[in-house]
Protein backbone atom coordinates (compact mmCIF):
# COMPACT_ATOMS: atom_id res chain seq x y z
CA MET A 1 3.37 -1.65 -11.55
CA ARG A 2 0.51 -3.17 -9.58
CA TYR A 3 -2.23 -5.62 -10.44
CA ALA A 4 -5.53 -3.70 -10.51
CA GLY A 5 -7.89 -6.63 -11.04
CA HIS A 6 -9.73 -8.43 -13.80
CA ASP A 7 -12.35 -5.70 -14.27
CA PHE A 8 -9.94 -2.76 -14.51
CA ALA A 9 -10.51 -0.43 -17.45
CA ALA A 10 -7.83 2.24 -17.71
CA PRO A 11 -8.90 5.86 -18.12
CA ARG A 12 -7.64 7.81 -21.11
CA ARG A 13 -3.99 8.80 -20.90
CA ALA A 14 -4.72 12.53 -20.43
CA ASP A 15 -7.49 11.99 -17.83
CA ASP A 16 -5.68 13.16 -14.70
CA SER A 17 -8.84 13.02 -12.57
CA GLY A 18 -9.50 9.42 -13.59
CA TRP A 19 -5.93 8.35 -12.88
CA GLY A 20 -6.10 10.10 -9.51
CA ALA A 21 -9.15 8.02 -8.63
CA VAL A 22 -7.39 4.82 -9.74
CA THR A 23 -4.40 5.70 -7.57
CA ALA A 24 -6.63 6.36 -4.54
CA VAL A 25 -8.47 3.06 -5.01
CA LEU A 26 -5.27 1.02 -5.32
CA ASP A 27 -3.58 2.86 -2.41
CA ALA A 28 -6.59 2.01 -0.22
CA GLY A 29 -5.98 -1.67 -0.93
CA LEU A 30 -8.98 -2.15 -3.22
CA ARG A 31 -8.96 -3.73 -6.65
CA TYR A 32 -11.27 -3.73 -9.63
CA GLU A 33 -12.72 -7.19 -9.14
CA GLY A 34 -16.20 -8.54 -9.25
CA PHE A 35 -16.63 -11.41 -11.63
CA GLN A 36 -15.31 -14.84 -10.87
CA VAL A 37 -12.97 -16.48 -13.35
CA CYS A 38 -15.71 -18.82 -14.57
CA GLY A 39 -18.00 -15.88 -15.37
CA CYS A 40 -20.84 -17.09 -13.17
CA GLY A 41 -20.09 -14.92 -10.14
CA ARG A 42 -21.32 -11.65 -8.74
CA GLU A 43 -21.60 -8.20 -10.28
CA SER A 44 -18.62 -5.89 -10.28
CA GLU A 45 -18.26 -3.63 -7.25
CA TYR A 46 -18.40 0.17 -7.33
CA ARG A 47 -15.15 2.09 -7.62
CA PRO A 48 -14.92 5.91 -7.98
CA ARG A 49 -14.08 7.19 -11.47
CA ARG A 50 -13.23 10.86 -10.75
CA SER A 51 -11.15 12.66 -8.14
CA SER A 52 -14.28 14.48 -6.99
CA ASP A 53 -15.88 11.10 -6.17
CA VAL A 54 -12.82 10.20 -4.09
CA ARG A 55 -12.93 13.52 -2.21
CA SER A 56 -16.62 13.18 -1.35
CA ARG A 57 -16.13 9.63 -0.08
CA ARG A 58 -13.12 10.67 2.01
CA ARG A 59 -15.25 13.37 3.64
CA VAL A 60 -17.91 10.76 4.41
CA ALA A 61 -15.24 8.48 5.89
CA VAL A 62 -14.11 11.18 8.31
CA ARG A 63 -17.67 12.08 9.35
CA ALA A 64 -18.92 8.51 9.72
CA GLY A 65 -15.72 7.04 11.17
CA LEU A 66 -15.20 4.60 8.30
CA CYS A 67 -11.87 3.45 6.97
CA GLU A 68 -10.98 4.85 3.57
CA ALA A 69 -11.38 1.53 1.76
CA ASP A 70 -14.95 1.11 3.02
CA ALA A 71 -15.84 4.67 2.03
CA LEU A 72 -14.38 4.28 -1.47
CA ALA A 73 -16.44 1.12 -2.00
CA LEU A 74 -19.74 2.94 -1.29
CA ARG A 75 -21.89 3.38 -4.39
CA ASP A 76 -23.69 6.32 -2.75
CA PRO A 77 -21.92 8.32 -0.03
CA ALA A 78 -25.26 9.00 1.66
CA ASP A 79 -25.45 5.28 2.55
CA ALA A 80 -22.81 5.68 5.24
C-alpha cells in the first residue's frame, strides 16, 4: 500500500480504467497533492482519470522528449 496524497479520491471498485490511471500516476512518482495542510495553498494539480488519458500523455512524452511524470501532469497534452 502506498500513500497517494491528501487529494486522492479512489475510483469505483469496478473501474479498471480509473485504477489503471491511478497506478500509472503513482508509478511515475506523482501524488494527488495540491492543497497545503492549512487549506490556504494552491489549487490541486491535474492527474489523468482514465487509461486513455494516460496513453495519450505517454505518446506526447515520447514525441516531445518529456519524462513520463511531466507528461502525466499536463492538463492538456497539446501544451507539450
